[in-house]
Protein backbone atom coordinates (compact mmCIF):
# COMPACT_ATOMS: atom_id res chain seq x y z
CA MET A 1 19.71 11.53 42.72
CA PHE A 2 18.66 14.07 40.07
CA ASN A 3 21.23 12.61 37.69
CA LYS A 4 19.56 9.19 37.96
CA LEU A 5 16.13 10.74 37.38
CA LYS A 6 17.45 12.42 34.24
CA GLN A 7 18.90 9.09 33.09
CA PHE A 8 15.51 7.42 33.64
CA LYS A 9 13.75 10.15 31.66
CA ASP A 10 16.29 9.86 28.84
CA LEU A 11 15.87 6.07 28.84
CA ARG A 12 12.07 6.40 28.71
CA ASP A 13 12.28 8.92 25.86
CA LYS A 14 14.64 6.67 23.91
CA ALA A 15 12.40 3.64 24.48
CA LYS A 16 9.36 5.58 23.22
CA THR A 17 11.28 6.69 20.13
CA MET A 18 12.29 3.07 19.46
CA GLN A 19 8.71 1.90 19.95
CA HIS A 20 7.38 4.43 17.43
CA THR A 21 10.13 3.57 14.94
CA LEU A 22 9.47 -0.16 15.26
CA ALA A 23 5.70 0.29 14.97
CA ASP A 24 6.23 1.61 11.44
CA GLU A 25 7.92 -1.63 10.36
CA SER A 26 5.87 -4.32 8.61
CA ILE A 27 6.61 -7.70 7.07
CA THR A 28 4.54 -10.21 5.11
CA VAL A 29 5.35 -13.92 5.05
CA THR A 30 3.80 -16.81 3.15
CA SER A 31 3.67 -20.45 4.16
CA SER A 32 1.77 -23.08 2.19
CA GLY A 33 -1.00 -20.75 1.11
CA VAL A 34 -1.24 -18.64 4.28
CA HIS A 35 -0.11 -15.01 4.06
CA LEU A 36 0.46 -13.11 7.33
CA THR A 37 1.40 -9.46 7.79
CA MET A 38 2.90 -8.38 11.12
CA ASN A 39 3.83 -4.93 12.36
CA GLY A 40 6.70 -3.89 14.61
CA ASN A 41 4.47 -4.21 17.69
CA LEU A 42 4.24 -7.93 16.87
CA GLU A 43 0.57 -7.60 15.96
CA LEU A 44 -0.93 -9.46 13.02
CA THR A 45 -2.39 -6.81 10.74
CA ASP A 46 -3.56 -9.06 7.91
CA VAL A 47 -4.26 -12.74 7.35
CA GLN A 48 -5.06 -14.21 3.94
CA ILE A 49 -5.76 -17.88 3.33
CA ASP A 50 -5.86 -19.48 -0.10
CA VAL A 51 -9.31 -20.87 -0.90
CA GLU A 52 -8.12 -24.43 -1.47
CA LEU A 53 -7.12 -24.65 2.22
CA LEU A 54 -10.67 -23.86 3.36
CA VAL A 55 -11.99 -27.40 3.16
CA VAL A 56 -12.51 -29.79 6.04
CA ASP A 57 -10.00 -32.42 4.91
CA LYS A 58 -7.20 -29.79 4.85
CA LYS A 59 -7.75 -28.56 8.40
CA SER A 60 -4.43 -29.88 9.75
CA LYS A 61 -2.53 -28.47 6.74
CA LEU A 62 -4.13 -25.05 7.35
CA GLN A 63 -3.30 -25.16 11.06
CA SER A 64 0.29 -26.11 10.31
CA ALA A 65 0.62 -23.38 7.67
CA ILE A 66 -0.68 -20.73 10.09
CA MET A 67 1.74 -21.86 12.80
CA ASP A 68 4.68 -21.90 10.38
CA ALA A 69 3.84 -18.48 8.92
CA HIS A 70 3.47 -16.95 12.38
CA LYS A 71 6.76 -18.45 13.58
CA ASP A 72 8.52 -17.15 10.45
CA ALA A 73 6.99 -13.68 10.85
CA MET A 74 8.06 -13.49 14.50
CA LYS A 75 11.65 -14.47 13.69
CA LYS A 76 11.90 -11.97 10.85
CA MET A 77 10.37 -9.13 12.86
CA GLN A 78 12.63 -9.86 15.83
CA ARG A 79 15.66 -9.62 13.50
CA ILE A 80 14.37 -6.29 12.15
CA MET A 81 13.76 -5.03 15.68
CA ALA A 82 17.25 -6.00 16.81
CA MET A 83 18.80 -4.33 13.77
CA LYS A 84 16.78 -1.11 14.31
CA MET A 85 17.69 -1.01 17.98
CA LYS A 86 21.36 -1.47 17.13
CA GLU A 87 21.14 1.34 14.54
CA MET A 88 19.56 3.63 17.14
CA GLY A 89 22.32 2.89 19.63
CA GLY A 90 20.44 0.40 21.78
CA LEU A 91 19.46 1.15 25.35
CA PRO A 92 22.15 2.58 27.63
CA ASN A 93 23.36 0.77 30.71
CA ILE A 94 22.15 2.63 33.76
CA PRO A 95 23.92 1.77 37.02
CA GLY A 96 21.59 0.06 39.45
CA LEU A 97 19.24 -1.29 36.76
CA SER A 98 21.28 -4.20 35.49
């Protein structure tokens, strides 16, 4: 019983360490005049839009560019997260949790 509690504590500590490490990561992507910056917590930390997209007749192009940039940022950050987790040894398999 105490062995499992220690494993849970170790798992929690490792997860917190990973979370802090990933939070320090940041990427910026550009898509058709939209620049998004995302951190390792998958939060957008900056959005910049080129002025020529801020006109009514380019609304659909702006919406599409935002969607594309966000999708690209998510994919890239997920790759970085997976790589960092692999470098840190991933999360251990604890009997009874899987």
